[in-house]
Amino acid sequence: MNPQDHHCLRCGACCASFRVAFHWSEAQPENADGVPAALVQSLRHHELAMRGTDAASPRCVALQGDIGTRAACGIYAQRPSPCRALRASWEDGTPEPQCDRARAKHGLAPLTAADWT
């Protein structure tokens, strides 16, 4: 699959479904290559959250585009560990319930193994 055709680049549902919480050491200024400080908010003692994700209707401040048509992370190379850990369902041959829940929340059909062939 061409990287520009990846299913996640037409989706973005995960970026508008969950709180993205992570350790403060993943963000700038402590981590020069980390999440830009302007895009995070304090959550708990050792945790930060991506702005926009700790809301009743979450949408990450770094999400660009429209969910379900064309979406991308504006800080992809600097994204925090929860974003790096979440993968698309069936991309590696196994389901990913979090991906399925996010897609359902936004009226998108779940991905299947056939979507990756």
N, C-alpha and C. Protein backbone atom coordinates (compact mmCIF):
# COMPACT_ATOMS: atom_id res chain seq x y z
N MET A 1 0.84 -1.18 0.00
CA MET A 1 0.00 0.00 0.00
C MET A 1 0.89 1.24 0.00
N ASN A 2 0.54 2.16 -0.83
CA ASN A 2 1.23 3.45 -0.90
C ASN A 2 0.99 4.19 0.42
N PRO A 3 2.04 4.72 1.07
CA PRO A 3 1.85 5.41 2.36
C PRO A 3 0.81 6.54 2.29
N GLN A 4 0.68 7.19 1.15
CA GLN A 4 -0.30 8.28 1.04
C GLN A 4 -1.73 7.76 0.96
N ASP A 5 -1.90 6.44 0.75
CA ASP A 5 -3.23 5.84 0.69
C ASP A 5 -3.59 5.11 1.98
N HIS A 6 -2.77 5.23 3.01
CA HIS A 6 -3.01 4.53 4.27
C HIS A 6 -4.40 4.89 4.80
N HIS A 7 -5.09 3.90 5.32
CA HIS A 7 -6.46 4.09 5.81
C HIS A 7 -6.55 5.18 6.88
N CYS A 8 -5.53 5.32 7.70
CA CYS A 8 -5.55 6.33 8.75
C CYS A 8 -5.61 7.75 8.18
N LEU A 9 -5.08 7.94 6.97
CA LEU A 9 -5.09 9.27 6.37
C LEU A 9 -6.45 9.63 5.77
N ARG A 10 -7.38 8.69 5.78
CA ARG A 10 -8.76 8.98 5.39
C ARG A 10 -9.67 8.93 6.61
N CYS A 11 -9.13 8.65 7.76
CA CYS A 11 -9.95 8.41 8.94
C CYS A 11 -9.83 9.54 9.97
N GLY A 12 -8.87 9.44 10.87
CA GLY A 12 -8.69 10.44 11.92
C GLY A 12 -9.64 10.27 13.10
N ALA A 13 -10.45 9.20 13.08
CA ALA A 13 -11.44 9.02 14.15
C ALA A 13 -10.80 8.87 15.53
N CYS A 14 -9.66 8.21 15.61
CA CYS A 14 -9.03 8.02 16.92
C CYS A 14 -8.62 9.37 17.52
N CYS A 15 -8.27 10.32 16.68
CA CYS A 15 -7.84 11.65 17.14
C CYS A 15 -9.01 12.49 17.66
N ALA A 16 -10.21 12.00 17.45
CA ALA A 16 -11.40 12.72 17.91
C ALA A 16 -12.31 11.80 18.72
N SER A 17 -11.69 10.88 19.45
CA SER A 17 -12.49 9.93 20.24
C SER A 17 -11.98 9.70 21.65
N PHE A 18 -10.69 9.90 21.89
CA PHE A 18 -10.10 9.52 23.17
C PHE A 18 -9.26 10.64 23.76
N ARG A 19 -9.13 10.62 25.08
CA ARG A 19 -8.16 11.50 25.73
C ARG A 19 -6.77 10.93 25.48
N VAL A 20 -5.86 11.77 25.10
CA VAL A 20 -4.48 11.36 24.84
C VAL A 20 -3.63 11.87 25.99
N ALA A 21 -3.37 10.98 26.95
CA ALA A 21 -2.60 11.32 28.15
C ALA A 21 -1.25 10.62 28.10
N PHE A 22 -0.22 11.31 28.58
CA PHE A 22 1.13 10.77 28.53
C PHE A 22 2.01 11.46 29.56
N HIS A 23 3.17 10.89 29.82
CA HIS A 23 4.10 11.42 30.80
C HIS A 23 4.67 12.75 30.30
N TRP A 24 4.88 13.68 31.23
CA TRP A 24 5.37 15.01 30.87
C TRP A 24 6.70 14.99 30.14
N SER A 25 7.51 13.94 30.33
CA SER A 25 8.82 13.88 29.70
C SER A 25 8.76 13.69 28.18
N GLU A 26 7.58 13.42 27.65
CA GLU A 26 7.42 13.28 26.20
C GLU A 26 7.22 14.63 25.50
N ALA A 27 7.12 15.70 26.26
CA ALA A 27 6.82 17.01 25.68
C ALA A 27 8.00 17.96 25.81
N GLN A 28 7.97 18.98 24.99
CA GLN A 28 8.96 20.06 25.09
C GLN A 28 8.63 20.89 26.33
N PRO A 29 9.54 21.51 27.00
CA PRO A 29 10.94 21.66 26.68
C PRO A 29 11.82 20.51 27.18
N GLU A 30 11.28 19.61 28.01
CA GLU A 30 12.08 18.51 28.54
C GLU A 30 12.60 17.61 27.43
N ASN A 31 11.82 17.42 26.39
CA ASN A 31 12.19 16.56 25.27
C ASN A 31 12.16 17.43 24.01
N ALA A 32 13.32 17.82 23.53
CA ALA A 32 13.40 18.74 22.39
C ALA A 32 12.70 18.21 21.15
N ASP A 33 12.62 16.89 21.00
CA ASP A 33 11.95 16.29 19.85
C ASP A 33 10.52 15.88 20.15
N GLY A 34 10.03 16.26 21.32
CA GLY A 34 8.71 15.82 21.77
C GLY A 34 7.58 16.72 21.33
N VAL A 35 6.44 16.47 21.92
CA VAL A 35 5.22 17.22 21.62
C VAL A 35 5.44 18.69 21.96
N PRO A 36 5.11 19.59 21.04
CA PRO A 36 5.26 21.02 21.33
C PRO A 36 4.45 21.42 22.58
N ALA A 37 5.06 22.19 23.46
CA ALA A 37 4.44 22.57 24.73
C ALA A 37 3.11 23.30 24.53
N ALA A 38 2.96 24.05 23.48
CA ALA A 38 1.73 24.79 23.25
C ALA A 38 0.53 23.89 22.94
N LEU A 39 0.80 22.62 22.63
CA LEU A 39 -0.28 21.70 22.26
C LEU A 39 -0.71 20.78 23.39
N VAL A 40 -0.15 20.99 24.59
CA VAL A 40 -0.49 20.12 25.71
C VAL A 40 -1.11 20.93 26.86
N GLN A 41 -1.77 20.20 27.74
CA GLN A 41 -2.29 20.79 28.97
C GLN A 41 -1.98 19.85 30.11
N SER A 42 -1.87 20.39 31.31
CA SER A 42 -1.63 19.57 32.49
C SER A 42 -2.86 18.74 32.77
N LEU A 43 -2.63 17.50 33.17
CA LEU A 43 -3.73 16.60 33.47
C LEU A 43 -3.68 16.19 34.94
N ARG A 44 -2.60 15.53 35.31
CA ARG A 44 -2.36 15.11 36.69
C ARG A 44 -0.89 15.37 36.99
N HIS A 45 -0.47 15.00 38.16
CA HIS A 45 0.88 15.32 38.64
C HIS A 45 1.98 15.06 37.60
N HIS A 46 2.01 13.88 37.02
CA HIS A 46 3.06 13.53 36.06
C HIS A 46 2.53 13.37 34.64
N GLU A 47 1.30 13.78 34.42
CA GLU A 47 0.69 13.56 33.12
C GLU A 47 0.28 14.85 32.43
N LEU A 48 0.40 14.80 31.13
CA LEU A 48 -0.10 15.85 30.25
C LEU A 48 -1.14 15.21 29.35
N ALA A 49 -1.91 16.04 28.68
CA ALA A 49 -2.86 15.56 27.67
C ALA A 49 -2.76 16.47 26.46
N MET A 50 -2.99 15.89 25.31
CA MET A 50 -3.05 16.72 24.10
C MET A 50 -4.26 17.64 24.25
N ARG A 51 -4.07 18.92 23.94
CA ARG A 51 -5.18 19.88 24.01
C ARG A 51 -6.32 19.40 23.12
N GLY A 52 -7.52 19.55 23.64
CA GLY A 52 -8.71 19.17 22.90
C GLY A 52 -9.17 17.75 23.15
N THR A 53 -8.33 16.92 23.75
CA THR A 53 -8.72 15.52 23.94
C THR A 53 -9.35 15.25 25.30
N ASP A 54 -9.26 16.17 26.24
CA ASP A 54 -9.86 15.99 27.56
C ASP A 54 -11.17 16.77 27.61
N ALA A 55 -12.05 16.45 26.68
CA ALA A 55 -13.33 17.15 26.56
C ALA A 55 -14.44 16.13 26.31
N ALA A 56 -15.67 16.56 26.51
CA ALA A 56 -16.81 15.66 26.27
C ALA A 56 -16.84 15.18 24.82
N SER A 57 -16.51 16.05 23.90
CA SER A 57 -16.38 15.70 22.47
C SER A 57 -14.94 15.95 22.07
N PRO A 58 -14.06 14.99 22.31
CA PRO A 58 -12.64 15.23 22.07
C PRO A 58 -12.30 15.41 20.60
N ARG A 59 -11.32 16.27 20.36
CA ARG A 59 -10.69 16.42 19.05
C ARG A 59 -9.31 17.00 19.31
N CYS A 60 -8.30 16.23 18.97
CA CYS A 60 -6.93 16.65 19.21
C CYS A 60 -6.62 17.91 18.41
N VAL A 61 -5.96 18.85 19.06
CA VAL A 61 -5.57 20.10 18.44
C VAL A 61 -4.64 19.87 17.24
N ALA A 62 -3.93 18.75 17.22
CA ALA A 62 -3.00 18.46 16.13
C ALA A 62 -3.66 17.81 14.92
N LEU A 63 -4.93 17.41 15.05
CA LEU A 63 -5.63 16.78 13.93
C LEU A 63 -5.94 17.81 12.86
N GLN A 64 -5.53 17.50 11.65
CA GLN A 64 -5.81 18.37 10.51
C GLN A 64 -6.74 17.63 9.55
N GLY A 65 -7.68 18.34 8.98
CA GLY A 65 -8.57 17.74 8.00
C GLY A 65 -9.90 17.32 8.58
N ASP A 66 -10.59 16.51 7.81
CA ASP A 66 -11.94 16.08 8.16
C ASP A 66 -11.98 14.58 8.41
N ILE A 67 -12.60 14.20 9.51
CA ILE A 67 -12.72 12.80 9.89
C ILE A 67 -13.50 12.05 8.81
N GLY A 68 -12.94 10.93 8.40
CA GLY A 68 -13.61 10.06 7.45
C GLY A 68 -13.31 10.36 5.99
N THR A 69 -12.66 11.48 5.71
CA THR A 69 -12.35 11.80 4.31
C THR A 69 -10.86 12.01 4.09
N ARG A 70 -10.30 12.95 4.81
CA ARG A 70 -8.87 13.24 4.70
C ARG A 70 -8.43 13.79 6.04
N ALA A 71 -7.55 13.09 6.72
CA ALA A 71 -7.11 13.50 8.05
C ALA A 71 -5.63 13.20 8.21
N ALA A 72 -4.97 14.03 8.99
CA ALA A 72 -3.55 13.81 9.26
C ALA A 72 -3.17 14.47 10.57
N CYS A 73 -2.13 13.94 11.17
CA CYS A 73 -1.58 14.51 12.39
C CYS A 73 -0.59 15.60 12.02
N GLY A 74 -0.81 16.79 12.53
CA GLY A 74 0.08 17.91 12.24
C GLY A 74 1.44 17.81 12.91
N ILE A 75 1.57 16.89 13.86
CA ILE A 75 2.86 16.70 14.56
C ILE A 75 3.25 15.23 14.52
N TYR A 76 2.99 14.56 13.43
CA TYR A 76 3.18 13.11 13.34
C TYR A 76 4.53 12.65 13.89
N ALA A 77 5.61 13.27 13.50
CA ALA A 77 6.94 12.85 13.97
C ALA A 77 7.14 13.11 15.46
N GLN A 78 6.35 14.00 16.04
CA GLN A 78 6.48 14.36 17.45
C GLN A 78 5.33 13.83 18.30
N ARG A 79 4.46 13.02 17.74
CA ARG A 79 3.27 12.56 18.46
C ARG A 79 3.67 11.75 19.69
N PRO A 80 2.83 11.76 20.73
CA PRO A 80 3.16 11.06 21.98
C PRO A 80 2.94 9.54 21.86
N SER A 81 3.42 8.84 22.87
CA SER A 81 3.39 7.37 22.86
C SER A 81 2.00 6.76 22.69
N PRO A 82 0.92 7.30 23.27
CA PRO A 82 -0.38 6.67 23.04
C PRO A 82 -0.76 6.68 21.56
N CYS A 83 -0.38 7.72 20.86
CA CYS A 83 -0.68 7.80 19.43
C CYS A 83 0.20 6.84 18.64
N ARG A 84 1.42 6.69 19.06
CA ARG A 84 2.33 5.76 18.39
C ARG A 84 1.89 4.31 18.61
N ALA A 85 1.31 4.03 19.76
CA ALA A 85 0.91 2.67 20.10
C ALA A 85 -0.38 2.24 19.40
N LEU A 86 -1.28 3.16 19.15
CA LEU A 86 -2.55 2.81 18.53
C LEU A 86 -2.33 2.52 17.05
N ARG A 87 -2.82 1.39 16.62
CA ARG A 87 -2.66 1.02 15.21
C ARG A 87 -4.04 0.79 14.60
N ALA A 88 -4.07 0.75 13.32
CA ALA A 88 -5.33 0.51 12.60
C ALA A 88 -5.69 -0.98 12.69
N SER A 89 -6.97 -1.25 12.82
CA SER A 89 -7.44 -2.63 12.87
C SER A 89 -7.00 -3.40 11.63
N TRP A 90 -6.51 -4.58 11.87
CA TRP A 90 -6.12 -5.55 10.85
C TRP A 90 -4.88 -5.16 10.05
N GLU A 91 -4.28 -4.03 10.34
CA GLU A 91 -3.07 -3.64 9.60
C GLU A 91 -1.98 -4.69 9.75
N ASP A 92 -1.89 -5.27 10.94
CA ASP A 92 -0.88 -6.31 11.17
C ASP A 92 -1.52 -7.70 11.24
N GLY A 93 -2.76 -7.82 10.78
CA GLY A 93 -3.45 -9.11 10.77
C GLY A 93 -4.30 -9.40 11.98
N THR A 94 -4.39 -8.43 12.90
CA THR A 94 -5.21 -8.62 14.10
C THR A 94 -6.12 -7.42 14.29
N PRO A 95 -7.26 -7.62 14.97
CA PRO A 95 -8.16 -6.50 15.21
C PRO A 95 -7.58 -5.54 16.24
N GLU A 96 -8.05 -4.32 16.23
CA GLU A 96 -7.67 -3.30 17.23
C GLU A 96 -8.98 -2.68 17.73
N PRO A 97 -9.49 -3.15 18.89
CA PRO A 97 -10.78 -2.68 19.39
C PRO A 97 -10.87 -1.16 19.53
N GLN A 98 -9.80 -0.49 19.90
CA GLN A 98 -9.84 0.96 20.06
C GLN A 98 -10.09 1.64 18.71
N CYS A 99 -9.47 1.16 17.66
CA CYS A 99 -9.70 1.67 16.31
C CYS A 99 -11.17 1.44 15.93
N ASP A 100 -11.66 0.25 16.18
CA ASP A 100 -13.04 -0.08 15.84
C ASP A 100 -14.02 0.83 16.57
N ARG A 101 -13.79 1.07 17.87
CA ARG A 101 -14.68 1.95 18.65
C ARG A 101 -14.66 3.38 18.12
N ALA A 102 -13.47 3.88 17.80
CA ALA A 102 -13.36 5.25 17.30
C ALA A 102 -14.09 5.39 15.97
N ARG A 103 -13.88 4.44 15.08
CA ARG A 103 -14.54 4.50 13.78
C ARG A 103 -16.06 4.45 13.94
N ALA A 104 -16.55 3.56 14.81
CA ALA A 104 -18.00 3.45 15.03
C ALA A 104 -18.57 4.76 15.58
N LYS A 105 -17.84 5.39 16.48
CA LYS A 105 -18.29 6.65 17.08
C LYS A 105 -18.53 7.72 16.01
N HIS A 106 -17.78 7.64 14.93
CA HIS A 106 -17.90 8.64 13.86
C HIS A 106 -18.63 8.11 12.63
N GLY A 107 -19.34 6.99 12.80
CA GLY A 107 -20.17 6.45 11.72
C GLY A 107 -19.39 5.78 10.61
N LEU A 108 -18.16 5.37 10.89
CA LEU A 108 -17.33 4.71 9.89
C LEU A 108 -17.35 3.20 10.12
N ALA A 109 -17.39 2.44 9.05
CA ALA A 109 -17.35 0.98 9.16
C ALA A 109 -16.00 0.54 9.70
N PRO A 110 -15.98 -0.55 10.45
CA PRO A 110 -14.69 -1.05 10.94
C PRO A 110 -13.84 -1.54 9.77
N LEU A 111 -12.53 -1.43 9.94
CA LEU A 111 -11.62 -1.98 8.94
C LEU A 111 -11.62 -3.49 9.05
N THR A 112 -11.35 -4.16 7.96
CA THR A 112 -11.28 -5.62 7.92
C THR A 112 -9.93 -6.02 7.32
N ALA A 113 -9.64 -7.30 7.41
CA ALA A 113 -8.40 -7.80 6.81
C ALA A 113 -8.36 -7.51 5.31
N ALA A 114 -9.50 -7.55 4.67
CA ALA A 114 -9.58 -7.31 3.22
C ALA A 114 -9.19 -5.87 2.86
N ASP A 115 -9.32 -4.94 3.81
CA ASP A 115 -8.94 -3.55 3.54
C ASP A 115 -7.44 -3.38 3.33
N TRP A 116 -6.65 -4.37 3.72
CA TRP A 116 -5.19 -4.26 3.65
C TRP A 116 -4.59 -5.08 2.52
N THR A 117 -5.43 -5.67 1.68
CA THR A 117 -4.88 -6.45 0.55
C THR A 117 -4.89 -5.65 -0.72
